[in-house]
Each structure stands twice: as C-alpha cells, then as structure tokens.
Amino acid sequence: MKDAFMASFFHEGVLGGAIYLQSDKVLFRTNKLQVETKYRNLEIPYNSIKKIQTGWALCFPTVTLTIKSGISYKFIIFSRKKFISRLDELKN
C-alpha cells in the first residue's frame, strides 16, 4: 500500500515533489535534475526515524523527520494531519 502527499523538501532551497508512505519507509521524489540523486529519491526507513516534529515555514505546515544518526529532513506537507496520522499507523 502506498499513500501519496504533495510535498516540498528543504535542501538548498525548496524542492517540489511528492512524499510517499510505503509499507516500510518514507519516500520523497522530485524530478529536479540538478539535485543529487540521493535527494531526488530520498528513502527514510521507518525504523531509522527517531523524532517527528511539526512546525511552520512562513504560512506553510512543515514536518521534520530526524533519523537516529542525527540528520534532519524538513518538508512542507499540506495534508499534514493526515500524513502524521498515517505515518504513525505504518510506523507502529
């Protein structure tokens, strides 16, 4: 099962794309060719997520995923409540 959400990723600017909740990981995809491959197809396994934080960037709802290695990934996600709810379901 795969849930898709329109999202933007903060990495050297704001990259538009989509974030997918798969059975075992969060997957962000963008088609920007000038971005490194690891950020074009960013995969974050659920078991590596240490912390999930919500916030705001100007007037946009954000979600920050911090993994166990200490790296944080920040996204603008417009259906944030639904995203967090579904992420919690799949993660547990």
PDB file of N, CA and C in Angstrom:
ATOM      1  N   MET A   1       0.843  -1.182   0.000  1.00  0.00           N
ATOM      2  CA  MET A   1       0.000   0.000   0.000  1.00  0.00           C
ATOM      3  C   MET A   1       0.884   1.240   0.000  1.00  0.00           C
ATOM      4  N   LYS A   2       0.463   2.248  -0.740  1.00  0.00           N
ATOM      5  CA  LYS A   2       1.252   3.459  -0.844  1.00  0.00           C
ATOM      6  C   LYS A   2       0.333   4.662  -0.726  1.00  0.00           C
ATOM      7  N   ASP A   3       0.652   5.577   0.188  1.00  0.00           N
ATOM      8  CA  ASP A   3      -0.086   6.834   0.343  1.00  0.00           C
ATOM      9  C   ASP A   3       0.793   7.942  -0.216  1.00  0.00           C
ATOM     10  N   ALA A   4       0.224   8.835  -1.022  1.00  0.00           N
ATOM     11  CA  ALA A   4       0.980   9.915  -1.643  1.00  0.00           C
ATOM     12  C   ALA A   4       0.484  11.269  -1.149  1.00  0.00           C
ATOM     13  N   PHE A   5       1.430  12.183  -0.933  1.00  0.00           N
ATOM     14  CA  PHE A   5       1.126  13.533  -0.479  1.00  0.00           C
ATOM     15  C   PHE A   5       1.993  14.512  -1.269  1.00  0.00           C
ATOM     16  N   MET A   6       1.416  15.618  -1.685  1.00  0.00           N
ATOM     17  CA  MET A   6       2.199  16.673  -2.320  1.00  0.00           C
ATOM     18  C   MET A   6       3.085  17.291  -1.248  1.00  0.00           C
ATOM     19  N   ALA A   7       4.356  17.465  -1.579  1.00  0.00           N
ATOM     20  CA  ALA A   7       5.301  17.950  -0.577  1.00  0.00           C
ATOM     21  C   ALA A   7       6.429  18.725  -1.235  1.00  0.00           C
ATOM     22  N   SER A   8       7.113  19.506  -0.422  1.00  0.00           N
ATOM     23  CA  SER A   8       8.332  20.189  -0.832  1.00  0.00           C
ATOM     24  C   SER A   8       9.386  19.891   0.213  1.00  0.00           C
ATOM     25  N   PHE A   9      10.617  19.730  -0.231  1.00  0.00           N
ATOM     26  CA  PHE A   9      11.728  19.366   0.635  1.00  0.00           C
ATOM     27  C   PHE A   9      12.691  20.540   0.731  1.00  0.00           C
ATOM     28  N   PHE A  10      13.123  20.869   1.944  1.00  0.00           N
ATOM     29  CA  PHE A  10      14.093  21.941   2.148  1.00  0.00           C
ATOM     30  C   PHE A  10      15.495  21.371   1.976  1.00  0.00           C
ATOM     31  N   HIS A  11      16.119  21.676   0.832  1.00  0.00           N
ATOM     32  CA  HIS A  11      17.517  21.297   0.581  1.00  0.00           C
ATOM     33  C   HIS A  11      18.062  22.269  -0.455  1.00  0.00           C
ATOM     34  N   GLU A  12      18.926  23.155  -0.026  1.00  0.00           N
ATOM     35  CA  GLU A  12      19.477  24.187  -0.907  1.00  0.00           C
ATOM     36  C   GLU A  12      18.347  24.903  -1.650  1.00  0.00           C
ATOM     37  N   GLY A  13      17.338  25.274  -0.914  1.00  0.00           N
ATOM     38  CA  GLY A  13      16.129  25.870  -1.460  1.00  0.00           C
ATOM     39  C   GLY A  13      14.961  24.944  -1.160  1.00  0.00           C
ATOM     40  N   VAL A  14      13.865  25.152  -1.839  1.00  0.00           N
ATOM     41  CA  VAL A  14      12.681  24.318  -1.635  1.00  0.00           C
ATOM     42  C   VAL A  14      12.438  23.535  -2.918  1.00  0.00           C
ATOM     43  N   LEU A  15      12.429  22.214  -2.802  1.00  0.00           N
ATOM     44  CA  LEU A  15      12.250  21.336  -3.951  1.00  0.00           C
ATOM     45  C   LEU A  15      10.851  20.739  -3.944  1.00  0.00           C
ATOM     46  N   GLY A  16      10.085  21.009  -4.952  1.00  0.00           N
ATOM     47  CA  GLY A  16       8.747  20.446  -5.052  1.00  0.00           C
ATOM     48  C   GLY A  16       8.801  18.981  -5.455  1.00  0.00           C
ATOM     49  N   GLY A  17       7.817  18.231  -5.008  1.00  0.00           N
ATOM     50  CA  GLY A  17       7.754  16.816  -5.345  1.00  0.00           C
ATOM     51  C   GLY A  17       6.600  16.158  -4.625  1.00  0.00           C
ATOM     52  N   ALA A  18       6.778  14.898  -4.324  1.00  0.00           N
ATOM     53  CA  ALA A  18       5.758  14.136  -3.605  1.00  0.00           C
ATOM     54  C   ALA A  18       6.434  13.257  -2.573  1.00  0.00           C
ATOM     55  N   ILE A  19       5.713  13.016  -1.489  1.00  0.00           N
ATOM     56  CA  ILE A  19       6.213  12.137  -0.438  1.00  0.00           C
ATOM     57  C   ILE A  19       5.240  10.961  -0.348  1.00  0.00           C
ATOM     58  N   TYR A  20       5.801   9.767  -0.303  1.00  0.00           N
ATOM     59  CA  TYR A  20       5.008   8.542  -0.292  1.00  0.00           C
ATOM     60  C   TYR A  20       5.250   7.787   1.008  1.00  0.00           C
ATOM     61  N   LEU A  21       4.188   7.267   1.586  1.00  0.00           N
ATOM     62  CA  LEU A  21       4.300   6.405   2.753  1.00  0.00           C
ATOM     63  C   LEU A  21       4.107   4.976   2.261  1.00  0.00           C
ATOM     64  N   GLN A  22       5.181   4.228   2.263  1.00  0.00           N
ATOM     65  CA  GLN A  22       5.130   2.844   1.829  1.00  0.00           C
ATOM     66  C   GLN A  22       5.070   1.946   3.055  1.00  0.00           C
ATOM     67  N   SER A  23       5.004   0.658   2.855  1.00  0.00           N
ATOM     68  CA  SER A  23       4.853  -0.256   3.985  1.00  0.00           C
ATOM     69  C   SER A  23       6.043  -0.238   4.930  1.00  0.00           C
ATOM     70  N   ASP A  24       7.236   0.126   4.451  1.00  0.00           N
ATOM     71  CA  ASP A  24       8.432   0.075   5.285  1.00  0.00           C
ATOM     72  C   ASP A  24       9.243   1.361   5.350  1.00  0.00           C
ATOM     73  N   LYS A  25       8.847   2.385   4.552  1.00  0.00           N
ATOM     74  CA  LYS A  25       9.663   3.604   4.506  1.00  0.00           C
ATOM     75  C   LYS A  25       8.879   4.803   3.994  1.00  0.00           C
ATOM     76  N   VAL A  26       9.471   5.979   4.257  1.00  0.00           N
ATOM     77  CA  VAL A  26       9.010   7.239   3.687  1.00  0.00           C
ATOM     78  C   VAL A  26       9.874   7.475   2.457  1.00  0.00           C
ATOM     79  N   LEU A  27       9.262   7.844   1.354  1.00  0.00           N
ATOM     80  CA  LEU A  27       9.987   8.061   0.108  1.00  0.00           C
ATOM     81  C   LEU A  27       9.611   9.433  -0.448  1.00  0.00           C
ATOM     82  N   PHE A  28      10.611  10.307  -0.655  1.00  0.00           N
ATOM     83  CA  PHE A  28      10.379  11.604  -1.284  1.00  0.00           C
ATOM     84  C   PHE A  28      10.957  11.552  -2.687  1.00  0.00           C
ATOM     85  N   ARG A  29      10.186  12.016  -3.653  1.00  0.00           N
ATOM     86  CA  ARG A  29      10.647  12.039  -5.035  1.00  0.00           C
ATOM     87  C   ARG A  29      10.441  13.418  -5.636  1.00  0.00           C
ATOM     88  N   THR A  30      11.466  13.865  -6.359  1.00  0.00           N
ATOM     89  CA  THR A  30      11.391  15.099  -7.130  1.00  0.00           C
ATOM     90  C   THR A  30      12.016  14.830  -8.488  1.00  0.00           C
ATOM     91  N   ASN A  31      11.651  15.608  -9.481  1.00  0.00           N
ATOM     92  CA  ASN A  31      12.206  15.431 -10.828  1.00  0.00           C
ATOM     93  C   ASN A  31      13.266  16.474 -11.164  1.00  0.00           C
ATOM     94  N   LYS A  32      13.734  17.210 -10.170  1.00  0.00           N
ATOM     95  CA  LYS A  32      14.752  18.233 -10.397  1.00  0.00           C
ATOM     96  C   LYS A  32      16.090  17.559 -10.721  1.00  0.00           C
ATOM     97  N   LEU A  33      16.586  17.742 -11.921  1.00  0.00           N
ATOM     98  CA  LEU A  33      17.810  17.062 -12.348  1.00  0.00           C
ATOM     99  C   LEU A  33      19.071  17.636 -11.720  1.00  0.00           C
ATOM    100  N   GLN A  34      19.051  18.882 -11.286  1.00  0.00           N
ATOM    101  CA  GLN A  34      20.241  19.494 -10.721  1.00  0.00           C
ATOM    102  C   GLN A  34      20.478  19.078  -9.259  1.00  0.00           C
ATOM    103  N   VAL A  35      19.585  18.287  -8.702  1.00  0.00           N
ATOM    104  CA  VAL A  35      19.690  17.831  -7.312  1.00  0.00           C
ATOM    105  C   VAL A  35      20.387  16.476  -7.281  1.00  0.00           C
ATOM    106  N   GLU A  36      21.213  16.262  -6.246  1.00  0.00           N
ATOM    107  CA  GLU A  36      21.894  14.972  -6.098  1.00  0.00           C
ATOM    108  C   GLU A  36      20.878  13.835  -6.086  1.00  0.00           C
ATOM    109  N   THR A  37      21.276  12.699  -6.627  1.00  0.00           N
ATOM    110  CA  THR A  37      20.388  11.538  -6.743  1.00  0.00           C
ATOM    111  C   THR A  37      19.811  11.114  -5.406  1.00  0.00           C
ATOM    112  N   LYS A  38      20.613  11.149  -4.335  1.00  0.00           N
ATOM    113  CA  LYS A  38      20.099  10.701  -3.032  1.00  0.00           C
ATOM    114  C   LYS A  38      18.952  11.576  -2.530  1.00  0.00           C
ATOM    115  N   TYR A  39      18.874  12.829  -2.972  1.00  0.00           N
ATOM    116  CA  TYR A  39      17.774  13.698  -2.577  1.00  0.00           C
ATOM    117  C   TYR A  39      16.612  13.639  -3.575  1.00  0.00           C
ATOM    118  N   ARG A  40      16.881  13.221  -4.807  1.00  0.00           N
ATOM    119  CA  ARG A  40      15.815  13.051  -5.794  1.00  0.00           C
ATOM    120  C   ARG A  40      14.916  11.877  -5.432  1.00  0.00           C
ATOM    121  N   ASN A  41      15.490  10.867  -4.823  1.00  0.00           N
ATOM    122  CA  ASN A  41      14.765   9.668  -4.404  1.00  0.00           C
ATOM    123  C   ASN A  41      15.147   9.367  -2.958  1.00  0.00           C
ATOM    124  N   LEU A  42      14.766  10.241  -2.058  1.00  0.00           N
ATOM    125  CA  LEU A  42      15.143  10.127  -0.652  1.00  0.00           C
ATOM    126  C   LEU A  42      14.297   9.067   0.040  1.00  0.00           C
ATOM    127  N   GLU A  43      14.968   8.069   0.603  1.00  0.00           N
ATOM    128  CA  GLU A  43      14.283   6.991   1.316  1.00  0.00           C
ATOM    129  C   GLU A  43      14.645   7.042   2.793  1.00  0.00           C
ATOM    130  N   ILE A  44      13.628   7.019   3.651  1.00  0.00           N
ATOM    131  CA  ILE A  44      13.831   7.034   5.096  1.00  0.00           C
ATOM    132  C   ILE A  44      13.058   5.852   5.684  1.00  0.00           C
ATOM    133  N   PRO A  45      13.764   4.777   6.054  1.00  0.00           N
ATOM    134  CA  PRO A  45      13.074   3.624   6.661  1.00  0.00           C
ATOM    135  C   PRO A  45      12.427   4.030   7.987  1.00  0.00           C
ATOM    136  N   TYR A  46      11.257   3.464   8.264  1.00  0.00           N
ATOM    137  CA  TYR A  46      10.543   3.805   9.498  1.00  0.00           C
ATOM    138  C   TYR A  46      11.385   3.496  10.738  1.00  0.00           C
ATOM    139  N   ASN A  47      12.140   2.408  10.714  1.00  0.00           N
ATOM    140  CA  ASN A  47      12.909   2.036  11.907  1.00  0.00           C
ATOM    141  C   ASN A  47      14.101   2.960  12.158  1.00  0.00           C
ATOM    142  N   SER A  48      14.415   3.856  11.214  1.00  0.00           N
ATOM    143  CA  SER A  48      15.505   4.803  11.445  1.00  0.00           C
ATOM    144  C   SER A  48      15.002   6.161  11.929  1.00  0.00           C
ATOM    145  N   ILE A  49      13.683   6.377  11.956  1.00  0.00           N
ATOM    146  CA  ILE A  49      13.132   7.661  12.394  1.00  0.00           C
ATOM    147  C   ILE A  49      13.138   7.736  13.920  1.00  0.00           C
ATOM    148  N   LYS A  50      13.830   8.747  14.421  1.00  0.00           N
ATOM    149  CA  LYS A  50      13.941   8.955  15.865  1.00  0.00           C
ATOM    150  C   LYS A  50      12.869   9.911  16.377  1.00  0.00           C
ATOM    151  N   LYS A  51      12.609  10.984  15.595  1.00  0.00           N
ATOM    152  CA  LYS A  51      11.695  12.028  16.069  1.00  0.00           C
ATOM    153  C   LYS A  51      10.946  12.637  14.891  1.00  0.00           C
ATOM    154  N   ILE A  52       9.673  12.976  15.139  1.00  0.00           N
ATOM    155  CA  ILE A  52       8.830  13.647  14.152  1.00  0.00           C
ATOM    156  C   ILE A  52       8.357  14.948  14.784  1.00  0.00           C
ATOM    157  N   GLN A  53       8.664  16.073  14.139  1.00  0.00           N
ATOM    158  CA  GLN A  53       8.268  17.376  14.670  1.00  0.00           C
ATOM    159  C   GLN A  53       7.434  18.116  13.627  1.00  0.00           C
ATOM    160  N   THR A  54       6.492  18.907  14.107  1.00  0.00           N
ATOM    161  CA  THR A  54       5.718  19.759  13.211  1.00  0.00           C
ATOM    162  C   THR A  54       6.103  21.207  13.470  1.00  0.00           C
ATOM    163  N   GLY A  55       5.867  22.037  12.483  1.00  0.00           N
ATOM    164  CA  GLY A  55       6.181  23.456  12.615  1.00  0.00           C
ATOM    165  C   GLY A  55       5.590  24.216  11.452  1.00  0.00           C
ATOM    166  N   TRP A  56       6.134  25.415  11.242  1.00  0.00           N
ATOM    167  CA  TRP A  56       5.659  26.283  10.181  1.00  0.00           C
ATOM    168  C   TRP A  56       6.845  26.950   9.496  1.00  0.00           C
ATOM    169  N   ALA A  57       6.756  27.119   8.193  1.00  0.00           N
ATOM    170  CA  ALA A  57       7.709  27.909   7.423  1.00  0.00           C
ATOM    171  C   ALA A  57       6.863  28.987   6.752  1.00  0.00           C
ATOM    172  N   LEU A  58       6.986  30.186   7.249  1.00  0.00           N
ATOM    173  CA  LEU A  58       6.092  31.280   6.888  1.00  0.00           C
ATOM    174  C   LEU A  58       4.670  30.836   7.204  1.00  0.00           C
ATOM    175  N   CYS A  59       3.842  30.589   6.215  1.00  0.00           N
ATOM    176  CA  CYS A  59       2.459  30.158   6.498  1.00  0.00           C
ATOM    177  C   CYS A  59       2.232  28.701   6.089  1.00  0.00           C
ATOM    178  N   PHE A  60       3.292  27.970   5.813  1.00  0.00           N
ATOM    179  CA  PHE A  60       3.177  26.590   5.334  1.00  0.00           C
ATOM    180  C   PHE A  60       3.449  25.577   6.446  1.00  0.00           C
ATOM    181  N   PRO A  61       2.636  24.521   6.539  1.00  0.00           N
ATOM    182  CA  PRO A  61       2.833  23.499   7.569  1.00  0.00           C
ATOM    183  C   PRO A  61       4.029  22.598   7.222  1.00  0.00           C
ATOM    184  N   THR A  62       4.888  22.379   8.203  1.00  0.00           N
ATOM    185  CA  THR A  62       6.074  21.560   7.965  1.00  0.00           C
ATOM    186  C   THR A  62       6.103  20.334   8.871  1.00  0.00           C
ATOM    187  N   VAL A  63       6.838  19.339   8.406  1.00  0.00           N
ATOM    188  CA  VAL A  63       7.130  18.138   9.180  1.00  0.00           C
ATOM    189  C   VAL A  63       8.629  17.913   9.070  1.00  0.00           C
ATOM    190  N   THR A  64       9.290  17.734  10.211  1.00  0.00           N
ATOM    191  CA  THR A  64      10.717  17.441  10.228  1.00  0.00           C
ATOM    192  C   THR A  64      10.906  16.030  10.751  1.00  0.00           C
ATOM    193  N   LEU A  65      11.588  15.209   9.960  1.00  0.00           N
ATOM    194  CA  LEU A  65      11.898  13.839  10.355  1.00  0.00           C
ATOM    195  C   LEU A  65      13.374  13.789  10.728  1.00  0.00           C
ATOM    196  N   THR A  66      13.659  13.445  11.975  1.00  0.00           N
ATOM    197  CA  THR A  66      15.030  13.308  12.441  1.00  0.00           C
ATOM    198  C   THR A  66      15.319  11.821  12.564  1.00  0.00           C
ATOM    199  N   ILE A  67      16.416  11.392  11.928  1.00  0.00           N
ATOM    200  CA  ILE A  67      16.752   9.978  11.986  1.00  0.00           C
ATOM    201  C   ILE A  67      17.779   9.730  13.089  1.00  0.00           C
ATOM    202  N   LYS A  68      18.007   8.481  13.410  1.00  0.00           N
ATOM    203  CA  LYS A  68      18.859   8.106  14.537  1.00  0.00           C
ATOM    204  C   LYS A  68      20.287   8.614  14.406  1.00  0.00           C
ATOM    205  N   SER A  69      20.767   8.831  13.191  1.00  0.00           N
ATOM    206  CA  SER A  69      22.130   9.350  13.003  1.00  0.00           C
ATOM    207  C   SER A  69      22.220  10.847  13.299  1.00  0.00           C
ATOM    208  N   GLY A  70      21.059  11.495  13.530  1.00  0.00           N
ATOM    209  CA  GLY A  70      21.037  12.916  13.855  1.00  0.00           C
ATOM    210  C   GLY A  70      20.695  13.819  12.683  1.00  0.00           C
ATOM    211  N   ILE A  71      20.616  13.276  11.487  1.00  0.00           N
ATOM    212  CA  ILE A  71      20.269  14.066  10.307  1.00  0.00           C
ATOM    213  C   ILE A  71      18.767  14.358  10.319  1.00  0.00           C
ATOM    214  N   SER A  72      18.415  15.605   9.957  1.00  0.00           N
ATOM    215  CA  SER A  72      17.009  16.016   9.902  1.00  0.00           C
ATOM    216  C   SER A  72      16.620  16.350   8.473  1.00  0.00           C
ATOM    217  N   TYR A  73      15.412  15.972   8.116  1.00  0.00           N
ATOM    218  CA  TYR A  73      14.848  16.272   6.808  1.00  0.00           C
ATOM    219  C   TYR A  73      13.544  17.034   7.036  1.00  0.00           C
ATOM    220  N   LYS A  74      13.455  18.235   6.454  1.00  0.00           N
ATOM    221  CA  LYS A  74      12.280  19.089   6.666  1.00  0.00           C
ATOM    222  C   LYS A  74      11.479  19.198   5.374  1.00  0.00           C
ATOM    223  N   PHE A  75      10.157  19.007   5.496  1.00  0.00           N
ATOM    224  CA  PHE A  75       9.250  19.019   4.361  1.00  0.00           C
ATOM    225  C   PHE A  75       8.076  19.949   4.627  1.00  0.00           C
ATOM    226  N   ILE A  76       7.571  20.579   3.583  1.00  0.00           N
ATOM    227  CA  ILE A  76       6.265  21.234   3.627  1.00  0.00           C
ATOM    228  C   ILE A  76       5.276  20.176   3.162  1.00  0.00           C
ATOM    229  N   ILE A  77       4.263  19.902   3.982  1.00  0.00           N
ATOM    230  CA  ILE A  77       3.244  18.915   3.627  1.00  0.00           C
ATOM    231  C   ILE A  77       1.883  19.535   3.917  1.00  0.00           C
ATOM    232  N   PHE A  78       1.085  19.716   2.872  1.00  0.00           N
ATOM    233  CA  PHE A  78      -0.181  20.426   3.026  1.00  0.00           C
ATOM    234  C   PHE A  78      -1.245  19.613   3.758  1.00  0.00           C
ATOM    235  N   SER A  79      -1.253  18.313   3.641  1.00  0.00           N
ATOM    236  CA  SER A  79      -2.195  17.461   4.387  1.00  0.00           C
ATOM    237  C   SER A  79      -1.464  16.876   5.603  1.00  0.00           C
ATOM    238  N   ARG A  80      -0.910  17.774   6.412  1.00  0.00           N
ATOM    239  CA  ARG A  80      -0.024  17.350   7.494  1.00  0.00           C
ATOM    240  C   ARG A  80      -0.699  16.429   8.506  1.00  0.00           C
ATOM    241  N   LYS A  81      -1.920  16.735   8.930  1.00  0.00           N
ATOM    242  CA  LYS A  81      -2.599  15.890   9.926  1.00  0.00           C
ATOM    243  C   LYS A  81      -2.784  14.471   9.404  1.00  0.00           C
ATOM    244  N   LYS A  82      -3.241  14.360   8.172  1.00  0.00           N
ATOM    245  CA  LYS A  82      -3.444  13.047   7.561  1.00  0.00           C
ATOM    246  C   LYS A  82      -2.105  12.315   7.403  1.00  0.00           C
ATOM    247  N   PHE A  83      -1.073  13.049   6.997  1.00  0.00           N
ATOM    248  CA  PHE A  83       0.258  12.469   6.837  1.00  0.00           C
ATOM    249  C   PHE A  83       0.773  11.900   8.158  1.00  0.00           C
ATOM    250  N   ILE A  84       0.722  12.708   9.219  1.00  0.00           N
ATOM    251  CA  ILE A  84       1.212  12.277  10.539  1.00  0.00           C
ATOM    252  C   ILE A  84       0.416  11.079  11.038  1.00  0.00           C
ATOM    253  N   SER A  85      -0.886  11.128  10.895  1.00  0.00           N
ATOM    254  CA  SER A  85      -1.746  10.030  11.341  1.00  0.00           C
ATOM    255  C   SER A  85      -1.395   8.733  10.612  1.00  0.00           C
ATOM    256  N   ARG A  86      -1.265   8.818   9.315  1.00  0.00           N
ATOM    257  CA  ARG A  86      -0.938   7.623   8.518  1.00  0.00           C
ATOM    258  C   ARG A  86       0.477   7.138   8.800  1.00  0.00           C
ATOM    259  N   LEU A  87       1.415   8.055   8.988  1.00  0.00           N
ATOM    260  CA  LEU A  87       2.795   7.698   9.318  1.00  0.00           C
ATOM    261  C   LEU A  87       2.842   6.938  10.646  1.00  0.00           C
ATOM    262  N   ASP A  88       2.111   7.417  11.644  1.00  0.00           N
ATOM    263  CA  ASP A  88       2.058   6.731  12.941  1.00  0.00           C
ATOM    264  C   ASP A  88       1.494   5.316  12.800  1.00  0.00           C
ATOM    265  N   GLU A  89       0.450   5.163  11.987  1.00  0.00           N
ATOM    266  CA  GLU A  89      -0.131   3.832  11.755  1.00  0.00           C
ATOM    267  C   GLU A  89       0.883   2.865  11.147  1.00  0.00           C
ATOM    268  N   LEU A  90       1.581   3.327  10.128  1.00  0.00           N
ATOM    269  CA  LEU A  90       2.518   2.464   9.417  1.00  0.00           C
ATOM    270  C   LEU A  90       3.788   2.197  10.210  1.00  0.00           C
ATOM    271  N   LYS A  91       4.192   3.178  10.990  1.00  0.00           N
ATOM    272  CA  LYS A  91       5.430   3.049  11.766  1.00  0.00           C
ATOM    273  C   LYS A  91       5.281   2.047  12.896  1.00  0.00           C
ATOM    274  N   ASN A  92       4.104   1.949  13.482  1.00  0.00           N
ATOM    275  CA  ASN A  92       3.875   1.068  14.629  1.00  0.00           C
ATOM    276  C   ASN A  92       3.323  -0.234  14.208  1.00  0.00           C
TER     277      ASN A  92
END
